[in-house]
């Protein structure tokens, strides 16, 4: 493992983020939490997220934020560039949590089995 720390990106009141943070705490895994609401989306990180997780996976089309968007805005999200702009403008549309792991990899969402492998 490198000396990078684990960073969890999300919104504190998101139920999946709460589950993920609780799981990390229970495993004794140290991590930093980046709150999209307070600190915004780190624009320089988005290309890496898209490269590793795909923009289709990052944009949460099942969420309330997506459903509230104008249909024209929804239809305009067709590639990495348009998805990046949408995520920067509407952080709540990002599927959460986005995690940057110590090994440099990026995951989206909470998967206990996959996370167990990452933290062991």
PDB file of N, CA and C in Angstrom:
ATOM      1  N   UNK A   1       0.836  -1.200   0.000  1.00  0.00           N
ATOM      2  CA  UNK A   1       0.000   0.000   0.000  1.00  0.00           C
ATOM      3  C   UNK A   1       0.869   1.246   0.000  1.00  0.00           C
ATOM      4  N   UNK A   2       0.417   2.247  -0.735  1.00  0.00           N
ATOM      5  CA  UNK A   2       1.151   3.507  -0.768  1.00  0.00           C
ATOM      6  C   UNK A   2       0.760   4.334   0.449  1.00  0.00           C
ATOM      7  N   UNK A   3       1.334   5.514   0.541  1.00  0.00           N
ATOM      8  CA  UNK A   3       1.017   6.354   1.691  1.00  0.00           C
ATOM      9  C   UNK A   3      -0.207   7.218   1.459  1.00  0.00           C
ATOM     10  N   UNK A   4      -0.927   6.965   0.374  1.00  0.00           N
ATOM     11  CA  UNK A   4      -2.171   7.697   0.144  1.00  0.00           C
ATOM     12  C   UNK A   4      -3.194   7.274   1.196  1.00  0.00           C
ATOM     13  N   UNK A   5      -4.043   8.206   1.555  1.00  0.00           N
ATOM     14  CA  UNK A   5      -5.117   7.855   2.466  1.00  0.00           C
ATOM     15  C   UNK A   5      -6.376   7.558   1.655  1.00  0.00           C
ATOM     16  N   UNK A   6      -7.332   6.968   2.310  1.00  0.00           N
ATOM     17  CA  UNK A   6      -8.630   6.700   1.686  1.00  0.00           C
ATOM     18  C   UNK A   6      -9.481   7.962   1.847  1.00  0.00           C
ATOM     19  N   UNK A   7     -10.098   8.380   0.750  1.00  0.00           N
ATOM     20  CA  UNK A   7     -11.004   9.524   0.816  1.00  0.00           C
ATOM     21  C   UNK A   7     -12.381   9.076   0.355  1.00  0.00           C
ATOM     22  N   UNK A   8     -13.375   9.350   1.190  1.00  0.00           N
ATOM     23  CA  UNK A   8     -14.767   9.039   0.896  1.00  0.00           C
ATOM     24  C   UNK A   8     -15.449  10.355   0.531  1.00  0.00           C
ATOM     25  N   UNK A   9     -16.018  10.411  -0.675  1.00  0.00           N
ATOM     26  CA  UNK A   9     -16.714  11.607  -1.151  1.00  0.00           C
ATOM     27  C   UNK A   9     -18.208  11.345  -1.108  1.00  0.00           C
ATOM     28  N   UNK A  10     -18.945  12.323  -0.593  1.00  0.00           N
ATOM     29  CA  UNK A  10     -20.392  12.148  -0.554  1.00  0.00           C
ATOM     30  C   UNK A  10     -21.074  13.244   0.226  1.00  0.00           C
ATOM     31  N   UNK A  11     -22.252  12.918   0.705  1.00  0.00           N
ATOM     32  CA  UNK A  11     -23.101  13.835   1.458  1.00  0.00           C
ATOM     33  C   UNK A  11     -23.427  13.141   2.781  1.00  0.00           C
ATOM     34  N   UNK A  12     -23.207  13.821   3.921  1.00  0.00           N
ATOM     35  CA  UNK A  12     -23.339  13.151   5.219  1.00  0.00           C
ATOM     36  C   UNK A  12     -24.691  12.498   5.475  1.00  0.00           C
ATOM     37  N   UNK A  13     -25.787  13.085   4.977  1.00  0.00           N
ATOM     38  CA  UNK A  13     -27.100  12.518   5.290  1.00  0.00           C
ATOM     39  C   UNK A  13     -27.562  11.466   4.287  1.00  0.00           C
ATOM     40  N   UNK A  14     -26.720  11.118   3.313  1.00  0.00           N
ATOM     41  CA  UNK A  14     -27.042  10.052   2.361  1.00  0.00           C
ATOM     42  C   UNK A  14     -26.961   8.707   3.086  1.00  0.00           C
ATOM     43  N   UNK A  15     -27.994   7.884   2.983  1.00  0.00           N
ATOM     44  CA  UNK A  15     -28.023   6.624   3.733  1.00  0.00           C
ATOM     45  C   UNK A  15     -26.889   5.685   3.323  1.00  0.00           C
ATOM     46  N   UNK A  16     -26.535   5.656   2.047  1.00  0.00           N
ATOM     47  CA  UNK A  16     -25.458   4.774   1.601  1.00  0.00           C
ATOM     48  C   UNK A  16     -24.109   5.265   2.133  1.00  0.00           C
ATOM     49  N   UNK A  17     -23.920   6.572   2.148  1.00  0.00           N
ATOM     50  CA  UNK A  17     -22.684   7.139   2.695  1.00  0.00           C
ATOM     51  C   UNK A  17     -22.602   6.827   4.194  1.00  0.00           C
ATOM     52  N   UNK A  18     -23.728   6.951   4.899  1.00  0.00           N
ATOM     53  CA  UNK A  18     -23.746   6.627   6.333  1.00  0.00           C
ATOM     54  C   UNK A  18     -23.348   5.172   6.560  1.00  0.00           C
ATOM     55  N   UNK A  19     -23.930   4.267   5.757  1.00  0.00           N
ATOM     56  CA  UNK A  19     -23.595   2.834   5.868  1.00  0.00           C
ATOM     57  C   UNK A  19     -22.113   2.601   5.623  1.00  0.00           C
ATOM     58  N   UNK A  20     -21.600   3.226   4.583  1.00  0.00           N
ATOM     59  CA  UNK A  20     -20.199   3.057   4.202  1.00  0.00           C
ATOM     60  C   UNK A  20     -19.268   3.566   5.294  1.00  0.00           C
ATOM     61  N   UNK A  21     -19.565   4.739   5.835  1.00  0.00           N
ATOM     62  CA  UNK A  21     -18.708   5.319   6.879  1.00  0.00           C
ATOM     63  C   UNK A  21     -18.778   4.486   8.158  1.00  0.00           C
ATOM     64  N   UNK A  22     -19.976   4.014   8.489  1.00  0.00           N
ATOM     65  CA  UNK A  22     -20.120   3.162   9.671  1.00  0.00           C
ATOM     66  C   UNK A  22     -19.301   1.888   9.499  1.00  0.00           C
ATOM     67  N   UNK A  23     -19.379   1.291   8.304  1.00  0.00           N
ATOM     68  CA  UNK A  23     -18.625   0.063   8.031  1.00  0.00           C
ATOM     69  C   UNK A  23     -17.123   0.314   8.183  1.00  0.00           C
ATOM     70  N   UNK A  24     -16.618   1.406   7.590  1.00  0.00           N
ATOM     71  CA  UNK A  24     -15.187   1.727   7.708  1.00  0.00           C
ATOM     72  C   UNK A  24     -14.800   1.920   9.172  1.00  0.00           C
ATOM     73  N   UNK A  25     -15.641   2.642   9.927  1.00  0.00           N
ATOM     74  CA  UNK A  25     -15.367   2.858  11.353  1.00  0.00           C
ATOM     75  C   UNK A  25     -15.313   1.532  12.103  1.00  0.00           C
ATOM     76  N   UNK A  26     -16.274   0.650  11.806  1.00  0.00           N
ATOM     77  CA  UNK A  26     -16.319  -0.659  12.485  1.00  0.00           C
ATOM     78  C   UNK A  26     -15.100  -1.517  12.153  1.00  0.00           C
ATOM     79  N   UNK A  27     -14.545  -1.342  10.942  1.00  0.00           N
ATOM     80  CA  UNK A  27     -13.361  -2.103  10.536  1.00  0.00           C
ATOM     81  C   UNK A  27     -12.073  -1.448  11.036  1.00  0.00           C
ATOM     82  N   UNK A  28     -12.202  -0.273  11.633  1.00  0.00           N
ATOM     83  CA  UNK A  28     -11.025   0.450  12.097  1.00  0.00           C
ATOM     84  C   UNK A  28     -10.188   1.015  10.965  1.00  0.00           C
ATOM     85  N   UNK A  29     -10.841   1.320   9.845  1.00  0.00           N
ATOM     86  CA  UNK A  29     -10.134   1.842   8.677  1.00  0.00           C
ATOM     87  C   UNK A  29     -10.155   3.376   8.726  1.00  0.00           C
ATOM     88  N   UNK A  30      -8.964   3.966   8.694  1.00  0.00           N
ATOM     89  CA  UNK A  30      -8.867   5.428   8.701  1.00  0.00           C
ATOM     90  C   UNK A  30      -9.212   5.962   7.306  1.00  0.00           C
ATOM     91  N   UNK A  31      -9.940   7.059   7.268  1.00  0.00           N
ATOM     92  CA  UNK A  31     -10.303   7.675   5.994  1.00  0.00           C
ATOM     93  C   UNK A  31     -10.595   9.140   6.215  1.00  0.00           C
ATOM     94  N   UNK A  32     -10.562   9.900   5.133  1.00  0.00           N
ATOM     95  CA  UNK A  32     -10.992  11.293   5.167  1.00  0.00           C
ATOM     96  C   UNK A  32     -12.364  11.354   4.515  1.00  0.00           C
ATOM     97  N   UNK A  33     -13.214  12.255   5.006  1.00  0.00           N
ATOM     98  CA  UNK A  33     -14.528  12.435   4.397  1.00  0.00           C
ATOM     99  C   UNK A  33     -14.565  13.794   3.712  1.00  0.00           C
ATOM    100  N   UNK A  34     -14.958  13.794   2.451  1.00  0.00           N
ATOM    101  CA  UNK A  34     -15.092  15.031   1.668  1.00  0.00           C
ATOM    102  C   UNK A  34     -16.584  15.252   1.428  1.00  0.00           C
ATOM    103  N   UNK A  35     -17.111  16.299   2.011  1.00  0.00           N
ATOM    104  CA  UNK A  35     -18.541  16.626   1.928  1.00  0.00           C
ATOM    105  C   UNK A  35     -18.804  17.485   0.691  1.00  0.00           C
ATOM    106  N   UNK A  36     -19.531  16.902  -0.277  1.00  0.00           N
ATOM    107  CA  UNK A  36     -19.862  17.634  -1.497  1.00  0.00           C
ATOM    108  C   UNK A  36     -20.608  18.934  -1.198  1.00  0.00           C
ATOM    109  N   UNK A  37     -21.468  18.911  -0.173  1.00  0.00           N
ATOM    110  CA  UNK A  37     -22.281  20.090   0.133  1.00  0.00           C
ATOM    111  C   UNK A  37     -21.405  21.241   0.635  1.00  0.00           C
ATOM    112  N   UNK A  38     -20.405  20.915   1.466  1.00  0.00           N
ATOM    113  CA  UNK A  38     -19.555  21.963   2.045  1.00  0.00           C
ATOM    114  C   UNK A  38     -18.348  22.291   1.183  1.00  0.00           C
ATOM    115  N   UNK A  39     -17.726  21.269   0.602  1.00  0.00           N
ATOM    116  CA  UNK A  39     -16.453  21.465  -0.098  1.00  0.00           C
ATOM    117  C   UNK A  39     -16.583  21.395  -1.623  1.00  0.00           C
ATOM    118  N   UNK A  40     -17.767  21.051  -2.104  1.00  0.00           N
ATOM    119  CA  UNK A  40     -17.961  20.958  -3.545  1.00  0.00           C
ATOM    120  C   UNK A  40     -17.330  19.702  -4.130  1.00  0.00           C
ATOM    121  N   UNK A  41     -17.433  19.586  -5.437  1.00  0.00           N
ATOM    122  CA  UNK A  41     -16.851  18.447  -6.157  1.00  0.00           C
ATOM    123  C   UNK A  41     -15.443  18.863  -6.576  1.00  0.00           C
ATOM    124  N   UNK A  42     -14.429  18.053  -6.233  1.00  0.00           N
ATOM    125  CA  UNK A  42     -13.066  18.405  -6.627  1.00  0.00           C
ATOM    126  C   UNK A  42     -12.882  18.194  -8.134  1.00  0.00           C
ATOM    127  N   UNK A  43     -13.008  19.272  -8.893  1.00  0.00           N
ATOM    128  CA  UNK A  43     -13.023  19.202 -10.354  1.00  0.00           C
ATOM    129  C   UNK A  43     -11.834  18.425 -10.919  1.00  0.00           C
ATOM    130  N   UNK A  44     -10.666  18.584 -10.307  1.00  0.00           N
ATOM    131  CA  UNK A  44      -9.470  17.917 -10.828  1.00  0.00           C
ATOM    132  C   UNK A  44      -9.519  16.397 -10.661  1.00  0.00           C
ATOM    133  N   UNK A  45     -10.405  15.900  -9.796  1.00  0.00           N
ATOM    134  CA  UNK A  45     -10.515  14.457  -9.559  1.00  0.00           C
ATOM    135  C   UNK A  45     -11.504  13.782 -10.511  1.00  0.00           C
ATOM    136  N   UNK A  46     -12.436  14.544 -11.054  1.00  0.00           N
ATOM    137  CA  UNK A  46     -13.514  13.960 -11.863  1.00  0.00           C
ATOM    138  C   UNK A  46     -12.989  13.156 -13.067  1.00  0.00           C
ATOM    139  N   UNK A  47     -11.975  13.635 -13.806  1.00  0.00           N
ATOM    140  CA  UNK A  47     -11.480  12.820 -14.927  1.00  0.00           C
ATOM    141  C   UNK A  47     -10.977  11.437 -14.485  1.00  0.00           C
ATOM    142  N   UNK A  48     -10.336  11.360 -13.333  1.00  0.00           N
ATOM    143  CA  UNK A  48      -9.866  10.073 -12.807  1.00  0.00           C
ATOM    144  C   UNK A  48     -11.046   9.184 -12.452  1.00  0.00           C
ATOM    145  N   UNK A  49     -12.061   9.769 -11.814  1.00  0.00           N
ATOM    146  CA  UNK A  49     -13.258   8.998 -11.466  1.00  0.00           C
ATOM    147  C   UNK A  49     -13.891   8.423 -12.719  1.00  0.00           C
ATOM    148  N   UNK A  50     -14.012   9.266 -13.755  1.00  0.00           N
ATOM    149  CA  UNK A  50     -14.636   8.826 -15.000  1.00  0.00           C
ATOM    150  C   UNK A  50     -13.782   7.747 -15.668  1.00  0.00           C
ATOM    151  N   UNK A  51     -12.472   7.923 -15.643  1.00  0.00           N
ATOM    152  CA  UNK A  51     -11.571   6.941 -16.261  1.00  0.00           C
ATOM    153  C   UNK A  51     -11.684   5.579 -15.580  1.00  0.00           C
ATOM    154  N   UNK A  52     -11.854   5.581 -14.263  1.00  0.00           N
ATOM    155  CA  UNK A  52     -11.885   4.316 -13.525  1.00  0.00           C
ATOM    156  C   UNK A  52     -13.291   3.747 -13.340  1.00  0.00           C
ATOM    157  N   UNK A  53     -14.270   4.616 -13.219  1.00  0.00           N
ATOM    158  CA  UNK A  53     -15.619   4.127 -12.877  1.00  0.00           C
ATOM    159  C   UNK A  53     -16.654   4.377 -13.969  1.00  0.00           C
ATOM    160  N   UNK A  54     -16.343   5.121 -14.994  1.00  0.00           N
ATOM    161  CA  UNK A  54     -17.215   5.552 -16.091  1.00  0.00           C
ATOM    162  C   UNK A  54     -18.234   6.607 -15.637  1.00  0.00           C
ATOM    163  N   UNK A  55     -18.502   7.549 -16.519  1.00  0.00           N
ATOM    164  CA  UNK A  55     -19.462   8.606 -16.181  1.00  0.00           C
ATOM    165  C   UNK A  55     -20.869   8.025 -16.037  1.00  0.00           C
ATOM    166  N   UNK A  56     -21.152   6.958 -16.785  1.00  0.00           N
ATOM    167  CA  UNK A  56     -22.491   6.358 -16.695  1.00  0.00           C
ATOM    168  C   UNK A  56     -22.756   5.836 -15.279  1.00  0.00           C
ATOM    169  N   UNK A  57     -21.725   5.316 -14.628  1.00  0.00           N
ATOM    170  CA  UNK A  57     -21.884   4.801 -13.271  1.00  0.00           C
ATOM    171  C   UNK A  57     -21.926   5.935 -12.246  1.00  0.00           C
ATOM    172  N   UNK A  58     -21.213   7.011 -12.513  1.00  0.00           N
ATOM    173  CA  UNK A  58     -21.156   8.137 -11.578  1.00  0.00           C
ATOM    174  C   UNK A  58     -22.452   8.936 -11.543  1.00  0.00           C
ATOM    175  N   UNK A  59     -23.112   9.072 -12.687  1.00  0.00           N
ATOM    176  CA  UNK A  59     -24.363   9.851 -12.734  1.00  0.00           C
ATOM    177  C   UNK A  59     -25.504   8.946 -12.278  1.00  0.00           C
ATOM    178  N   UNK A  60     -26.096   9.297 -11.145  1.00  0.00           N
ATOM    179  CA  UNK A  60     -27.154   8.483 -10.554  1.00  0.00           C
ATOM    180  C   UNK A  60     -28.499   8.837 -11.184  1.00  0.00           C
ATOM    181  N   UNK A  61     -28.895   8.035 -12.166  1.00  0.00           N
ATOM    182  CA  UNK A  61     -30.161   8.306 -12.865  1.00  0.00           C
ATOM    183  C   UNK A  61     -31.382   7.832 -12.080  1.00  0.00           C
ATOM    184  N   UNK A  62     -31.167   7.144 -10.950  1.00  0.00           N
ATOM    185  CA  UNK A  62     -32.299   6.719 -10.132  1.00  0.00           C
ATOM    186  C   UNK A  62     -32.616   7.742  -9.036  1.00  0.00           C
ATOM    187  N   UNK A  63     -31.736   8.702  -8.841  1.00  0.00           N
ATOM    188  CA  UNK A  63     -31.879   9.619  -7.711  1.00  0.00           C
ATOM    189  C   UNK A  63     -32.866  10.748  -7.943  1.00  0.00           C
ATOM    190  N   UNK A  64     -33.266  11.361  -6.846  1.00  0.00           N
ATOM    191  CA  UNK A  64     -34.207  12.474  -6.871  1.00  0.00           C
ATOM    192  C   UNK A  64     -33.653  13.644  -7.672  1.00  0.00           C
ATOM    193  N   UNK A  65     -32.364  13.931  -7.501  1.00  0.00           N
ATOM    194  CA  UNK A  65     -31.768  15.074  -8.198  1.00  0.00           C
ATOM    195  C   UNK A  65     -31.907  14.906  -9.711  1.00  0.00           C
ATOM    196  N   UNK A  66     -31.610  13.714 -10.209  1.00  0.00           N
ATOM    197  CA  UNK A  66     -31.735  13.452 -11.656  1.00  0.00           C
ATOM    198  C   UNK A  66     -33.182  13.620 -12.105  1.00  0.00           C
ATOM    199  N   UNK A  67     -34.114  13.061 -11.332  1.00  0.00           N
ATOM    200  CA  UNK A  67     -35.537  13.116 -11.725  1.00  0.00           C
ATOM    201  C   UNK A  67     -36.067  14.545 -11.744  1.00  0.00           C
ATOM    202  N   UNK A  68     -35.476  15.422 -10.921  1.00  0.00           N
ATOM    203  CA  UNK A  68     -35.930  16.817 -10.876  1.00  0.00           C
ATOM    204  C   UNK A  68     -35.342  17.660 -11.999  1.00  0.00           C
ATOM    205  N   UNK A  69     -34.323  17.143 -12.669  1.00  0.00           N
ATOM    206  CA  UNK A  69     -33.708  17.908 -13.762  1.00  0.00           C
ATOM    207  C   UNK A  69     -34.667  18.029 -14.942  1.00  0.00           C
ATOM    208  N   UNK A  70     -34.538  19.126 -15.652  1.00  0.00           N
ATOM    209  CA  UNK A  70     -35.306  19.335 -16.869  1.00  0.00           C
ATOM    210  C   UNK A  70     -34.966  18.230 -17.871  1.00  0.00           C
ATOM    211  N   UNK A  71     -35.951  17.763 -18.614  1.00  0.00           N
ATOM    212  CA  UNK A  71     -35.735  16.685 -19.585  1.00  0.00           C
ATOM    213  C   UNK A  71     -34.641  17.047 -20.584  1.00  0.00           C
ATOM    214  N   UNK A  72     -34.577  18.307 -20.983  1.00  0.00           N
ATOM    215  CA  UNK A  72     -33.536  18.732 -21.936  1.00  0.00           C
ATOM    216  C   UNK A  72     -32.149  18.583 -21.323  1.00  0.00           C
ATOM    217  N   UNK A  73     -32.037  18.880 -20.028  1.00  0.00           N
ATOM    218  CA  UNK A  73     -30.746  18.717 -19.338  1.00  0.00           C
ATOM    219  C   UNK A  73     -30.392  17.240 -19.278  1.00  0.00           C
ATOM    220  N   UNK A  74     -31.358  16.402 -18.918  1.00  0.00           N
ATOM    221  CA  UNK A  74     -31.112  14.953 -18.868  1.00  0.00           C
ATOM    222  C   UNK A  74     -30.627  14.445 -20.226  1.00  0.00           C
ATOM    223  N   UNK A  75     -31.295  14.870 -21.292  1.00  0.00           N
ATOM    224  CA  UNK A  75     -30.947  14.390 -22.629  1.00  0.00           C
ATOM    225  C   UNK A  75     -29.612  14.934 -23.111  1.00  0.00           C
ATOM    226  N   UNK A  76     -29.127  16.030 -22.513  1.00  0.00           N
ATOM    227  CA  UNK A  76     -27.862  16.617 -22.936  1.00  0.00           C
ATOM    228  C   UNK A  76     -26.653  15.871 -22.350  1.00  0.00           C
ATOM    229  N   UNK A  77     -26.891  14.982 -21.384  1.00  0.00           N
ATOM    230  CA  UNK A  77     -25.794  14.233 -20.767  1.00  0.00           C
ATOM    231  C   UNK A  77     -25.534  12.986 -21.617  1.00  0.00           C
ATOM    232  N   UNK A  78     -24.550  13.110 -22.514  1.00  0.00           N
ATOM    233  CA  UNK A  78     -24.306  12.052 -23.491  1.00  0.00           C
ATOM    234  C   UNK A  78     -22.863  11.572 -23.519  1.00  0.00           C
ATOM    235  N   UNK A  79     -21.983  12.249 -22.788  1.00  0.00           N
ATOM    236  CA  UNK A  79     -20.571  11.859 -22.804  1.00  0.00           C
ATOM    237  C   UNK A  79     -19.887  12.349 -21.535  1.00  0.00           C
ATOM    238  N   UNK A  80     -18.595  12.076 -21.432  1.00  0.00           N
ATOM    239  CA  UNK A  80     -17.847  12.424 -20.218  1.00  0.00           C
ATOM    240  C   UNK A  80     -17.854  13.929 -19.954  1.00  0.00           C
ATOM    241  N   UNK A  81     -17.734  14.729 -21.002  1.00  0.00           N
ATOM    242  CA  UNK A  81     -17.689  16.188 -20.825  1.00  0.00           C
ATOM    243  C   UNK A  81     -19.011  16.721 -20.283  1.00  0.00           C
ATOM    244  N   UNK A  82     -20.126  16.287 -20.874  1.00  0.00           N
ATOM    245  CA  UNK A  82     -21.429  16.779 -20.408  1.00  0.00           C
ATOM    246  C   UNK A  82     -21.748  16.230 -19.017  1.00  0.00           C
ATOM    247  N   UNK A  83     -21.339  15.002 -18.747  1.00  0.00           N
ATOM    248  CA  UNK A  83     -21.555  14.412 -17.416  1.00  0.00           C
ATOM    249  C   UNK A  83     -20.732  15.153 -16.370  1.00  0.00           C
ATOM    250  N   UNK A  84     -19.490  15.501 -16.713  1.00  0.00           N
ATOM    251  CA  UNK A  84     -18.634  16.249 -15.784  1.00  0.00           C
ATOM    252  C   UNK A  84     -19.282  17.572 -15.420  1.00  0.00           C
ATOM    253  N   UNK A  85     -19.771  18.293 -16.417  1.00  0.00           N
ATOM    254  CA  UNK A  85     -20.406  19.591 -16.153  1.00  0.00           C
ATOM    255  C   UNK A  85     -21.625  19.421 -15.260  1.00  0.00           C
ATOM    256  N   UNK A  86     -22.433  18.401 -15.531  1.00  0.00           N
ATOM    257  CA  UNK A  86     -23.619  18.144 -14.711  1.00  0.00           C
ATOM    258  C   UNK A  86     -23.209  17.864 -13.260  1.00  0.00           C
ATOM    259  N   UNK A  87     -22.176  17.038 -13.060  1.00  0.00           N
ATOM    260  CA  UNK A  87     -21.744  16.682 -11.696  1.00  0.00           C
ATOM    261  C   UNK A  87     -21.195  17.896 -10.956  1.00  0.00           C
ATOM    262  N   UNK A  88     -20.493  18.773 -11.666  1.00  0.00           N
ATOM    263  CA  UNK A  88     -19.964  19.979 -11.024  1.00  0.00           C
ATOM    264  C   UNK A  88     -21.097  20.936 -10.660  1.00  0.00           C
ATOM    265  N   UNK A  89     -22.104  21.021 -11.525  1.00  0.00           N
ATOM    266  CA  UNK A  89     -23.238  21.918 -11.287  1.00  0.00           C
ATOM    267  C   UNK A  89     -24.212  21.358 -10.247  1.00  0.00           C
ATOM    268  N   UNK A  90     -24.332  20.031 -10.189  1.00  0.00           N
ATOM    269  CA  UNK A  90     -25.310  19.361  -9.316  1.00  0.00           C
ATOM    270  C   UNK A  90     -24.642  18.196  -8.591  1.00  0.00           C
ATOM    271  N   UNK A  91     -23.837  18.464  -7.542  1.00  0.00           N
ATOM    272  CA  UNK A  91     -23.115  17.383  -6.863  1.00  0.00           C
ATOM    273  C   UNK A  91     -24.023  16.247  -6.382  1.00  0.00           C
ATOM    274  N   UNK A  92     -25.267  16.561  -6.075  1.00  0.00           N
ATOM    275  CA  UNK A  92     -26.180  15.528  -5.567  1.00  0.00           C
ATOM    276  C   UNK A  92     -26.532  14.476  -6.610  1.00  0.00           C
ATOM    277  N   UNK A  93     -26.215  14.727  -7.880  1.00  0.00           N
ATOM    278  CA  UNK A  93     -26.516  13.750  -8.933  1.00  0.00           C
ATOM    279  C   UNK A  93     -25.461  12.629  -8.968  1.00  0.00           C
ATOM    280  N   UNK A  94     -24.362  12.813  -8.244  1.00  0.00           N
ATOM    281  CA  UNK A  94     -23.295  11.806  -8.240  1.00  0.00           C
ATOM    282  C   UNK A  94     -23.692  10.641  -7.353  1.00  0.00           C
ATOM    283  N   UNK A  95     -23.568   9.423  -7.891  1.00  0.00           N
ATOM    284  CA  UNK A  95     -23.834   8.220  -7.102  1.00  0.00           C
ATOM    285  C   UNK A  95     -22.806   8.167  -5.992  1.00  0.00           C
ATOM    286  N   UNK A  96     -23.266   7.870  -4.793  1.00  0.00           N
ATOM    287  CA  UNK A  96     -22.398   7.945  -3.621  1.00  0.00           C
ATOM    288  C   UNK A  96     -22.307   6.615  -2.890  1.00  0.00           C
ATOM    289  N   UNK A  97     -21.231   6.475  -2.119  1.00  0.00           N
ATOM    290  CA  UNK A  97     -20.053   7.341  -2.089  1.00  0.00           C
ATOM    291  C   UNK A  97     -19.090   7.032  -3.233  1.00  0.00           C
ATOM    292  N   UNK A  98     -18.314   8.048  -3.604  1.00  0.00           N
ATOM    293  CA  UNK A  98     -17.162   7.837  -4.477  1.00  0.00           C
ATOM    294  C   UNK A  98     -15.984   7.686  -3.522  1.00  0.00           C
ATOM    295  N   UNK A  99     -15.199   6.629  -3.695  1.00  0.00           N
ATOM    296  CA  UNK A  99     -14.068   6.394  -2.792  1.00  0.00           C
ATOM    297  C   UNK A  99     -12.782   6.315  -3.593  1.00  0.00           C
ATOM    298  N   UNK A 100     -11.820   7.107  -3.154  1.00  0.00           N
ATOM    299  CA  UNK A 100     -10.463   7.007  -3.677  1.00  0.00           C
ATOM    300  C   UNK A 100      -9.686   6.176  -2.666  1.00  0.00           C
ATOM    301  N   UNK A 101      -9.245   4.992  -3.088  1.00  0.00           N
ATOM    302  CA  UNK A 101      -8.571   4.050  -2.201  1.00  0.00           C
ATOM    303  C   UNK A 101      -7.073   4.325  -2.128  1.00  0.00           C
ATOM    304  N   UNK A 102      -6.442   3.795  -1.118  1.00  0.00           N
ATOM    305  CA  UNK A 102      -5.009   4.007  -0.906  1.00  0.00           C
ATOM    306  C   UNK A 102      -4.177   3.504  -2.087  1.00  0.00           C
ATOM    307  N   UNK A 103      -4.696   2.509  -2.821  1.00  0.00           N
ATOM    308  CA  UNK A 103      -3.943   1.968  -3.964  1.00  0.00           C
ATOM    309  C   UNK A 103      -4.150   2.788  -5.240  1.00  0.00           C
ATOM    310  N   UNK A 104      -4.931   3.883  -5.133  1.00  0.00           N
ATOM    311  CA  UNK A 104      -5.161   4.745  -6.287  1.00  0.00           C
ATOM    312  C   UNK A 104      -6.413   4.410  -7.067  1.00  0.00           C
ATOM    313  N   UNK A 105      -7.077   3.315  -6.720  1.00  0.00           N
ATOM    314  CA  UNK A 105      -8.293   2.942  -7.433  1.00  0.00           C
ATOM    315  C   UNK A 105      -9.487   3.753  -6.928  1.00  0.00           C
ATOM    316  N   UNK A 106     -10.556   3.736  -7.725  1.00  0.00           N
ATOM    317  CA  UNK A 106     -11.773   4.487  -7.410  1.00  0.00           C
ATOM    318  C   UNK A 106     -12.962   3.545  -7.505  1.00  0.00           C
ATOM    319  N   UNK A 107     -13.847   3.597  -6.503  1.00  0.00           N
ATOM    320  CA  UNK A 107     -15.096   2.837  -6.571  1.00  0.00           C
ATOM    321  C   UNK A 107     -16.267   3.792  -6.343  1.00  0.00           C
ATOM    322  N   UNK A 108     -17.441   3.353  -6.809  1.00  0.00           N
ATOM    323  CA  UNK A 108     -18.665   4.136  -6.657  1.00  0.00           C
ATOM    324  C   UNK A 108     -19.700   3.251  -5.992  1.00  0.00           C
ATOM    325  N   UNK A 109     -20.344   3.775  -4.941  1.00  0.00           N
ATOM    326  CA  UNK A 109     -21.328   2.994  -4.205  1.00  0.00           C
ATOM    327  C   UNK A 109     -20.654   2.195  -3.099  1.00  0.00           C
ATOM    328  N   UNK A 110     -21.470   1.495  -2.332  1.00  0.00           N
ATOM    329  CA  UNK A 110     -20.952   0.708  -1.210  1.00  0.00           C
ATOM    330  C   UNK A 110     -21.172  -0.771  -1.491  1.00  0.00           C
ATOM    331  N   UNK A 111     -20.083  -1.525  -1.507  1.00  0.00           N
ATOM    332  CA  UNK A 111     -20.123  -2.971  -1.728  1.00  0.00           C
ATOM    333  C   UNK A 111     -19.230  -3.597  -0.666  1.00  0.00           C
ATOM    334  N   UNK A 112     -19.864  -4.143   0.376  1.00  0.00           N
ATOM    335  CA  UNK A 112     -19.122  -4.638   1.527  1.00  0.00           C
ATOM    336  C   UNK A 112     -18.087  -5.688   1.151  1.00  0.00           C
ATOM    337  N   UNK A 113     -18.427  -6.596   0.260  1.00  0.00           N
ATOM    338  CA  UNK A 113     -17.493  -7.655  -0.144  1.00  0.00           C
ATOM    339  C   UNK A 113     -16.264  -7.059  -0.838  1.00  0.00           C
ATOM    340  N   UNK A 114     -16.501  -6.154  -1.770  1.00  0.00           N
ATOM    341  CA  UNK A 114     -15.389  -5.527  -2.483  1.00  0.00           C
ATOM    342  C   UNK A 114     -14.545  -4.673  -1.543  1.00  0.00           C
ATOM    343  N   UNK A 115     -15.207  -3.991  -0.629  1.00  0.00           N
ATOM    344  CA  UNK A 115     -14.485  -3.132   0.309  1.00  0.00           C
ATOM    345  C   UNK A 115     -13.641  -3.964   1.272  1.00  0.00           C
ATOM    346  N   UNK A 116     -14.142  -5.148   1.643  1.00  0.00           N
ATOM    347  CA  UNK A 116     -13.376  -6.041   2.527  1.00  0.00           C
ATOM    348  C   UNK A 116     -12.043  -6.392   1.885  1.00  0.00           C
ATOM    349  N   UNK A 117     -12.070  -6.648   0.585  1.00  0.00           N
ATOM    350  CA  UNK A 117     -10.836  -6.973  -0.131  1.00  0.00           C
ATOM    351  C   UNK A 117      -9.901  -5.770  -0.169  1.00  0.00           C
ATOM    352  N   UNK A 118     -10.464  -4.578  -0.322  1.00  0.00           N
ATOM    353  CA  UNK A 118      -9.664  -3.355  -0.412  1.00  0.00           C
ATOM    354  C   UNK A 118      -8.981  -3.021   0.908  1.00  0.00           C
ATOM    355  N   UNK A 119      -9.632  -3.361   2.012  1.00  0.00           N
ATOM    356  CA  UNK A 119      -9.136  -2.913   3.319  1.00  0.00           C
ATOM    357  C   UNK A 119      -8.363  -4.003   4.060  1.00  0.00           C
ATOM    358  N   UNK A 120      -8.303  -5.211   3.501  1.00  0.00           N
ATOM    359  CA  UNK A 120      -7.608  -6.294   4.236  1.00  0.00           C
ATOM    360  C   UNK A 120      -6.129  -6.315   3.925  1.00  0.00           C
TER     361      UNK A 120
END
